Amino acid sequence: MFKKLDFFLFGWIINWMYPEYYRPKYGYQRYYILFFHYLIPQKLFRLNPKVRWPVHFTSKVLAAENIKKGILCDPGDNNNNYIQANNGIIFGSNIELGPGVSIISSNHKGNNLREHTKGKPITIGNNVWIGANSTVLPEVSIGNNVIIGANSLVSKNIPSNSVAVGNPCRVIKPKEDYSEDLSVIIFNKKIVEKFDVFLNSNV
């Protein structure tokens, strides 16, 4: 009963204000928490105001217009995330970032600290978990079905189906297939058709 009341009072506001927010309708994050801890700081106090998904008030998302993302993925929704997308970041679907994760798509120029270097976007595949206090550096590619251990520095590409940890981050073992049936999730809003292939491929 409380879940339905929560959705009735706050859920429609969250869905309206965050057009790129796709999560399970119930059981993921309470809508009143999203309203007070995310929406109010973003829209009223102008913390990450242009981001089209929930960002925690302790996190920072820069150049959000250069971010492409799938569903079940909201970069910056955990505590103390730093997402800098000057050169672009492409997130797949079903991605979780632990607290303190930084993803940095461009460095400052050595001869002019007011300018950033140009380069390829960072790409992160589907079904990826990046552990707490890890940092992903410019032009890195992380494959599908990957776990990055906590406190890792990802400075080189990480292949699909792997567990990687360390500074520098390296593969330590293969990872089993992702087994969750995402096609049974009842989402908070109608899923865009382009994501149907992803949802059904995880069956």
C-alpha atoms as a PDB file:
ATOM      1  CA  MET A   1       0.000   0.000   0.000  1.00  0.00           C
ATOM      2  CA  PHE A   2       2.778   2.435   0.917  1.00  0.00           C
ATOM      3  CA  LYS A   3       4.577   1.726  -2.388  1.00  0.00           C
ATOM      4  CA  LYS A   4       1.469   2.587  -4.393  1.00  0.00           C
ATOM      5  CA  LEU A   5       0.849   5.744  -2.341  1.00  0.00           C
ATOM      6  CA  ASP A   6       4.480   6.757  -2.789  1.00  0.00           C
ATOM      7  CA  PHE A   7       4.151   6.357  -6.569  1.00  0.00           C
ATOM      8  CA  PHE A   8       0.817   8.201  -6.621  1.00  0.00           C
ATOM      9  CA  LEU A   9       2.183  11.200  -4.684  1.00  0.00           C
ATOM     10  CA  PHE A  10       5.721  11.465  -6.065  1.00  0.00           C
ATOM     11  CA  GLY A  11       6.213   8.935  -8.862  1.00  0.00           C
ATOM     12  CA  TRP A  12       4.475  10.909 -11.594  1.00  0.00           C
ATOM     13  CA  ILE A  13       6.580  13.975 -10.738  1.00  0.00           C
ATOM     14  CA  ILE A  14       9.788  11.942 -10.969  1.00  0.00           C
ATOM     15  CA  ASN A  15       8.755  10.441 -14.310  1.00  0.00           C
ATOM     16  CA  TRP A  16       7.847  13.874 -15.675  1.00  0.00           C
ATOM     17  CA  MET A  17      10.988  15.665 -14.477  1.00  0.00           C
ATOM     18  CA  TYR A  18      13.392  12.864 -15.400  1.00  0.00           C
ATOM     19  CA  PRO A  19      12.621  11.722 -18.966  1.00  0.00           C
ATOM     20  CA  GLU A  20      15.669   9.407 -19.069  1.00  0.00           C
ATOM     21  CA  TYR A  21      14.954   7.650 -15.767  1.00  0.00           C
ATOM     22  CA  TYR A  22      14.010   3.984 -16.334  1.00  0.00           C
ATOM     23  CA  ARG A  23      13.948   1.777 -13.260  1.00  0.00           C
ATOM     24  CA  PRO A  24      11.658  -0.858 -11.704  1.00  0.00           C
ATOM     25  CA  LYS A  25       8.375   0.796 -10.756  1.00  0.00           C
ATOM     26  CA  TYR A  26       8.603  -0.553  -7.208  1.00  0.00           C
ATOM     27  CA  GLY A  27      11.434  -1.804  -5.043  1.00  0.00           C
ATOM     28  CA  TYR A  28      14.382   0.184  -6.383  1.00  0.00           C
ATOM     29  CA  GLN A  29      14.318   3.679  -4.875  1.00  0.00           C
ATOM     30  CA  ARG A  30      11.464   5.272  -2.981  1.00  0.00           C
ATOM     31  CA  TYR A  31       9.983   8.133  -4.974  1.00  0.00           C
ATOM     32  CA  TYR A  32       9.803  10.493  -1.997  1.00  0.00           C
ATOM     33  CA  ILE A  33      13.564  10.012  -1.523  1.00  0.00           C
ATOM     34  CA  LEU A  34      14.127  10.804  -5.193  1.00  0.00           C
ATOM     35  CA  PHE A  35      11.983  13.902  -4.754  1.00  0.00           C
ATOM     36  CA  PHE A  36      13.710  15.328  -1.675  1.00  0.00           C
ATOM     37  CA  HIS A  37      17.303  14.068  -2.101  1.00  0.00           C
ATOM     38  CA  TYR A  38      17.581  14.384  -5.876  1.00  0.00           C
ATOM     39  CA  LEU A  39      14.918  16.475  -7.584  1.00  0.00           C
ATOM     40  CA  ILE A  40      14.809  19.361  -5.084  1.00  0.00           C
ATOM     41  CA  PRO A  41      18.615  19.865  -5.059  1.00  0.00           C
ATOM     42  CA  GLN A  42      18.796  19.526  -8.855  1.00  0.00           C
ATOM     43  CA  LYS A  43      15.890  21.696  -9.869  1.00  0.00           C
ATOM     44  CA  LEU A  44      15.482  24.117  -6.968  1.00  0.00           C
ATOM     45  CA  PHE A  45      19.071  24.568  -5.799  1.00  0.00           C
ATOM     46  CA  ARG A  46      20.485  24.089  -9.320  1.00  0.00           C
ATOM     47  CA  LEU A  47      22.862  21.213  -8.555  1.00  0.00           C
ATOM     48  CA  ASN A  48      23.285  19.383 -11.888  1.00  0.00           C
ATOM     49  CA  PRO A  49      20.107  21.073 -13.188  1.00  0.00           C
ATOM     50  CA  LYS A  50      20.422  20.023 -16.849  1.00  0.00           C
ATOM     51  CA  VAL A  51      20.789  16.310 -16.201  1.00  0.00           C
ATOM     52  CA  ARG A  52      17.760  14.329 -17.355  1.00  0.00           C
ATOM     53  CA  TRP A  53      18.051  11.607 -14.703  1.00  0.00           C
ATOM     54  CA  PRO A  54      18.441  11.695 -10.896  1.00  0.00           C
ATOM     55  CA  VAL A  55      21.830  12.820  -9.575  1.00  0.00           C
ATOM     56  CA  HIS A  56      22.596  12.718  -5.855  1.00  0.00           C
ATOM     57  CA  PHE A  57      23.236  16.131  -4.316  1.00  0.00           C
ATOM     58  CA  THR A  58      26.792  15.080  -3.331  1.00  0.00           C
ATOM     59  CA  SER A  59      27.680  14.133  -6.926  1.00  0.00           C
ATOM     60  CA  LYS A  60      28.675  16.176  -9.969  1.00  0.00           C
ATOM     61  CA  VAL A  61      27.874  15.556 -13.645  1.00  0.00           C
ATOM     62  CA  LEU A  62      29.650  17.844 -16.119  1.00  0.00           C
ATOM     63  CA  ALA A  63      28.772  18.148 -19.833  1.00  0.00           C
ATOM     64  CA  ALA A  64      25.716  15.912 -19.452  1.00  0.00           C
ATOM     65  CA  GLU A  65      24.748  16.736 -23.039  1.00  0.00           C
ATOM     66  CA  ASN A  66      27.704  14.573 -24.134  1.00  0.00           C
ATOM     67  CA  ILE A  67      26.433  11.496 -22.287  1.00  0.00           C
ATOM     68  CA  LYS A  68      24.481   8.735 -24.015  1.00  0.00           C
ATOM     69  CA  LYS A  69      23.008   6.068 -21.770  1.00  0.00           C
ATOM     70  CA  GLY A  70      20.688   3.124 -21.710  1.00  0.00           C
ATOM     71  CA  ILE A  71      18.165   2.010 -19.111  1.00  0.00           C
ATOM     72  CA  LEU A  72      18.798   0.855 -15.537  1.00  0.00           C
ATOM     73  CA  CYS A  73      21.668   3.330 -15.587  1.00  0.00           C
ATOM     74  CA  ASP A  74      21.811   6.766 -13.931  1.00  0.00           C
ATOM     75  CA  PRO A  75      25.385   8.100 -13.768  1.00  0.00           C
ATOM     76  CA  GLY A  76      25.819  10.170 -10.612  1.00  0.00           C
ATOM     77  CA  ASP A  77      22.931   8.708  -8.642  1.00  0.00           C
ATOM     78  CA  ASN A  78      25.220   7.370  -5.913  1.00  0.00           C
ATOM     79  CA  ASN A  79      27.094   9.401  -3.296  1.00  0.00           C
ATOM     80  CA  ASN A  80      30.135  11.452  -4.351  1.00  0.00           C
ATOM     81  CA  ASN A  81      30.256  10.411  -8.006  1.00  0.00           C
ATOM     82  CA  TYR A  82      32.186  12.657 -10.397  1.00  0.00           C
ATOM     83  CA  ILE A  83      31.214  12.288 -14.062  1.00  0.00           C
ATOM     84  CA  GLN A  84      33.065  14.534 -16.525  1.00  0.00           C
ATOM     85  CA  ALA A  85      31.921  14.040 -20.108  1.00  0.00           C
ATOM     86  CA  ASN A  86      33.722  16.770 -22.055  1.00  0.00           C
ATOM     87  CA  ASN A  87      34.791  14.223 -24.697  1.00  0.00           C
ATOM     88  CA  GLY A  88      31.668  12.133 -24.312  1.00  0.00           C
ATOM     89  CA  ILE A  89      30.720   9.018 -22.367  1.00  0.00           C
ATOM     90  CA  ILE A  90      28.610   6.209 -23.795  1.00  0.00           C
ATOM     91  CA  PHE A  91      26.941   4.079 -21.128  1.00  0.00           C
ATOM     92  CA  GLY A  92      25.138   0.864 -21.971  1.00  0.00           C
ATOM     93  CA  SER A  93      22.256  -0.495 -19.899  1.00  0.00           C
ATOM     94  CA  ASN A  94      22.148  -2.003 -16.417  1.00  0.00           C
ATOM     95  CA  ILE A  95      25.167  -0.159 -15.043  1.00  0.00           C
ATOM     96  CA  GLU A  96      25.768   0.593 -11.377  1.00  0.00           C
ATOM     97  CA  LEU A  97      28.428   2.934 -10.005  1.00  0.00           C
ATOM     98  CA  GLY A  98      29.537   2.573  -6.400  1.00  0.00           C
ATOM     99  CA  PRO A  99      30.018   5.595  -4.123  1.00  0.00           C
ATOM    100  CA  GLY A 100      33.001   7.761  -4.931  1.00  0.00           C
ATOM    101  CA  VAL A 101      33.356   6.582  -8.539  1.00  0.00           C
ATOM    102  CA  SER A 102      34.920   9.079 -10.973  1.00  0.00           C
ATOM    103  CA  ILE A 103      34.647   8.831 -14.756  1.00  0.00           C
ATOM    104  CA  ILE A 104      36.838  11.413 -16.484  1.00  0.00           C
ATOM    105  CA  SER A 105      36.674  11.729 -20.265  1.00  0.00           C
ATOM    106  CA  SER A 106      39.316  14.445 -20.790  1.00  0.00           C
ATOM    107  CA  ASN A 107      42.426  15.766 -19.074  1.00  0.00           C
ATOM    108  CA  HIS A 108      43.654  19.324 -18.720  1.00  0.00           C
ATOM    109  CA  LYS A 109      46.324  20.356 -21.211  1.00  0.00           C
ATOM    110  CA  GLY A 110      49.786  20.463 -19.684  1.00  0.00           C
ATOM    111  CA  ASN A 111      50.594  23.842 -21.246  1.00  0.00           C
ATOM    112  CA  ASN A 112      47.199  25.444 -20.549  1.00  0.00           C
ATOM    113  CA  LEU A 113      45.248  24.268 -17.524  1.00  0.00           C
ATOM    114  CA  ARG A 114      42.156  26.177 -18.657  1.00  0.00           C
ATOM    115  CA  GLU A 115      41.766  23.890 -21.689  1.00  0.00           C
ATOM    116  CA  HIS A 116      40.983  20.189 -22.010  1.00  0.00           C
ATOM    117  CA  THR A 117      42.502  17.644 -24.350  1.00  0.00           C
ATOM    118  CA  LYS A 118      40.418  16.206 -27.184  1.00  0.00           C
ATOM    119  CA  GLY A 119      39.896  12.478 -27.537  1.00  0.00           C
ATOM    120  CA  LYS A 120      37.574   9.540 -28.039  1.00  0.00           C
ATOM    121  CA  PRO A 121      34.610   9.088 -25.715  1.00  0.00           C
ATOM    122  CA  ILE A 122      34.686   6.573 -22.892  1.00  0.00           C
ATOM    123  CA  THR A 123      32.486   3.558 -23.613  1.00  0.00           C
ATOM    124  CA  ILE A 124      30.992   1.256 -20.969  1.00  0.00           C
ATOM    125  CA  GLY A 125      28.995  -1.799 -22.002  1.00  0.00           C
ATOM    126  CA  ASN A 126      25.920  -3.508 -20.587  1.00  0.00           C
ATOM    127  CA  ASN A 127      25.677  -5.226 -17.197  1.00  0.00           C
ATOM    128  CA  VAL A 128      28.641  -3.467 -15.614  1.00  0.00           C
ATOM    129  CA  TRP A 129      29.373  -2.827 -11.947  1.00  0.00           C
ATOM    130  CA  ILE A 130      32.106  -0.304 -11.054  1.00  0.00           C
ATOM    131  CA  GLY A 131      33.111  -0.591  -7.393  1.00  0.00           C
ATOM    132  CA  ALA A 132      33.465   2.189  -4.843  1.00  0.00           C
ATOM    133  CA  ASN A 133      36.140   4.870  -5.275  1.00  0.00           C
ATOM    134  CA  SER A 134      37.266   3.615  -8.689  1.00  0.00           C
ATOM    135  CA  THR A 135      38.395   5.979 -11.432  1.00  0.00           C
ATOM    136  CA  VAL A 136      37.913   5.504 -15.178  1.00  0.00           C
ATOM    137  CA  LEU A 137      40.329   7.561 -17.302  1.00  0.00           C
ATOM    138  CA  PRO A 138      39.915   9.101 -20.800  1.00  0.00           C
ATOM    139  CA  GLU A 139      39.358   6.999 -23.944  1.00  0.00           C
ATOM    140  CA  VAL A 140      38.930   3.756 -21.986  1.00  0.00           C
ATOM    141  CA  SER A 141      36.516   1.083 -23.198  1.00  0.00           C
ATOM    142  CA  ILE A 142      34.895  -1.364 -20.759  1.00  0.00           C
ATOM    143  CA  GLY A 143      33.109  -4.325 -22.315  1.00  0.00           C
ATOM    144  CA  ASN A 144      29.839  -6.068 -21.446  1.00  0.00           C
ATOM    145  CA  ASN A 145      29.325  -8.098 -18.279  1.00  0.00           C
ATOM    146  CA  VAL A 146      32.228  -6.655 -16.297  1.00  0.00           C
ATOM    147  CA  ILE A 147      32.958  -6.054 -12.629  1.00  0.00           C
ATOM    148  CA  ILE A 148      35.532  -3.418 -11.702  1.00  0.00           C
ATOM    149  CA  GLY A 149      36.752  -3.895  -8.137  1.00  0.00           C
ATOM    150  CA  ALA A 150      36.732  -1.095  -5.573  1.00  0.00           C
ATOM    151  CA  ASN A 151      39.582   1.463  -5.584  1.00  0.00           C
ATOM    152  CA  SER A 152      40.647   0.549  -9.125  1.00  0.00           C
ATOM    153  CA  LEU A 153      42.271   2.883 -11.651  1.00  0.00           C
ATOM    154  CA  VAL A 154      41.004   1.951 -15.108  1.00  0.00           C
ATOM    155  CA  SER A 155      43.570   3.337 -17.525  1.00  0.00           C
ATOM    156  CA  LYS A 156      43.344   0.679 -20.266  1.00  0.00           C
ATOM    157  CA  ASN A 157      40.540  -1.182 -22.019  1.00  0.00           C
ATOM    158  CA  ILE A 158      38.816  -3.993 -20.108  1.00  0.00           C
ATOM    159  CA  PRO A 159      37.377  -6.862 -22.189  1.00  0.00           C
ATOM    160  CA  SER A 160      33.873  -8.287 -21.831  1.00  0.00           C
ATOM    161  CA  ASN A 161      33.052 -11.072 -19.377  1.00  0.00           C
ATOM    162  CA  SER A 162      35.791 -10.267 -16.927  1.00  0.00           C
ATOM    163  CA  VAL A 163      36.511  -9.232 -13.352  1.00  0.00           C
ATOM    164  CA  ALA A 164      39.221  -6.583 -13.104  1.00  0.00           C
ATOM    165  CA  VAL A 165      40.818  -4.848 -10.135  1.00  0.00           C
ATOM    166  CA  GLY A 166      43.834  -2.823  -9.089  1.00  0.00           C
ATOM    167  CA  ASN A 167      45.957   0.211  -9.895  1.00  0.00           C
ATOM    168  CA  PRO A 168      46.440  -0.086 -12.785  1.00  0.00           C
ATOM    169  CA  CYS A 169      43.271  -2.126 -13.262  1.00  0.00           C
ATOM    170  CA  ARG A 170      43.842  -5.562 -14.819  1.00  0.00           C
ATOM    171  CA  VAL A 171      41.751  -8.646 -15.455  1.00  0.00           C
ATOM    172  CA  ILE A 172      42.088 -11.244 -12.696  1.00  0.00           C
ATOM    173  CA  LYS A 173      39.533 -13.820 -13.835  1.00  0.00           C
ATOM    174  CA  PRO A 174      36.671 -14.431 -16.276  1.00  0.00           C
ATOM    175  CA  LYS A 175      33.139 -13.571 -15.193  1.00  0.00           C
ATOM    176  CA  GLU A 176      30.149 -15.892 -15.522  1.00  0.00           C
ATOM    177  CA  ASP A 177      27.269 -14.878 -17.801  1.00  0.00           C
ATOM    178  CA  TYR A 178      24.817 -12.319 -16.457  1.00  0.00           C
ATOM    179  CA  SER A 179      21.763 -14.335 -15.436  1.00  0.00           C
ATOM    180  CA  GLU A 180      19.108 -11.867 -14.231  1.00  0.00           C
ATOM    181  CA  ASP A 181      15.949 -11.943 -16.361  1.00  0.00           C
ATOM    182  CA  LEU A 182      15.483  -8.229 -17.012  1.00  0.00           C
ATOM    183  CA  SER A 183      12.513  -8.825 -19.325  1.00  0.00           C
ATOM    184  CA  VAL A 184      10.212  -9.454 -16.334  1.00  0.00           C
ATOM    185  CA  ILE A 185      10.817  -6.017 -14.769  1.00  0.00           C
ATOM    186  CA  ILE A 186       7.785  -3.749 -14.538  1.00  0.00           C
ATOM    187  CA  PHE A 187       9.252  -0.321 -15.227  1.00  0.00           C
ATOM    188  CA  ASN A 188       8.211   3.068 -13.907  1.00  0.00           C
ATOM    189  CA  LYS A 189       7.243   4.144 -17.439  1.00  0.00           C
ATOM    190  CA  LYS A 190       6.879   2.710 -20.926  1.00  0.00           C
ATOM    191  CA  ILE A 191      10.230   1.548 -22.267  1.00  0.00           C
ATOM    192  CA  VAL A 192      11.499   3.087 -25.485  1.00  0.00           C
ATOM    193  CA  GLU A 193      11.373   0.454 -28.226  1.00  0.00           C
ATOM    194  CA  LYS A 194      15.118   0.568 -28.908  1.00  0.00           C
ATOM    195  CA  PHE A 195      15.767  -0.999 -25.485  1.00  0.00           C
ATOM    196  CA  ASP A 196      13.585  -4.060 -26.130  1.00  0.00           C
ATOM    197  CA  VAL A 197      16.486  -5.946 -27.716  1.00  0.00           C
ATOM    198  CA  PHE A 198      18.632  -5.446 -24.608  1.00  0.00           C
ATOM    199  CA  LEU A 199      15.900  -6.551 -22.226  1.00  0.00           C
ATOM    200  CA  ASN A 200      15.074  -9.685 -24.205  1.00  0.00           C
ATOM    201  CA  SER A 201      18.711 -10.610 -24.837  1.00  0.00           C
ATOM    202  CA  ASN A 202      19.240 -11.113 -21.096  1.00  0.00           C
ATOM    203  CA  VAL A 203      16.586 -13.843 -20.855  1.00  0.00           C
END
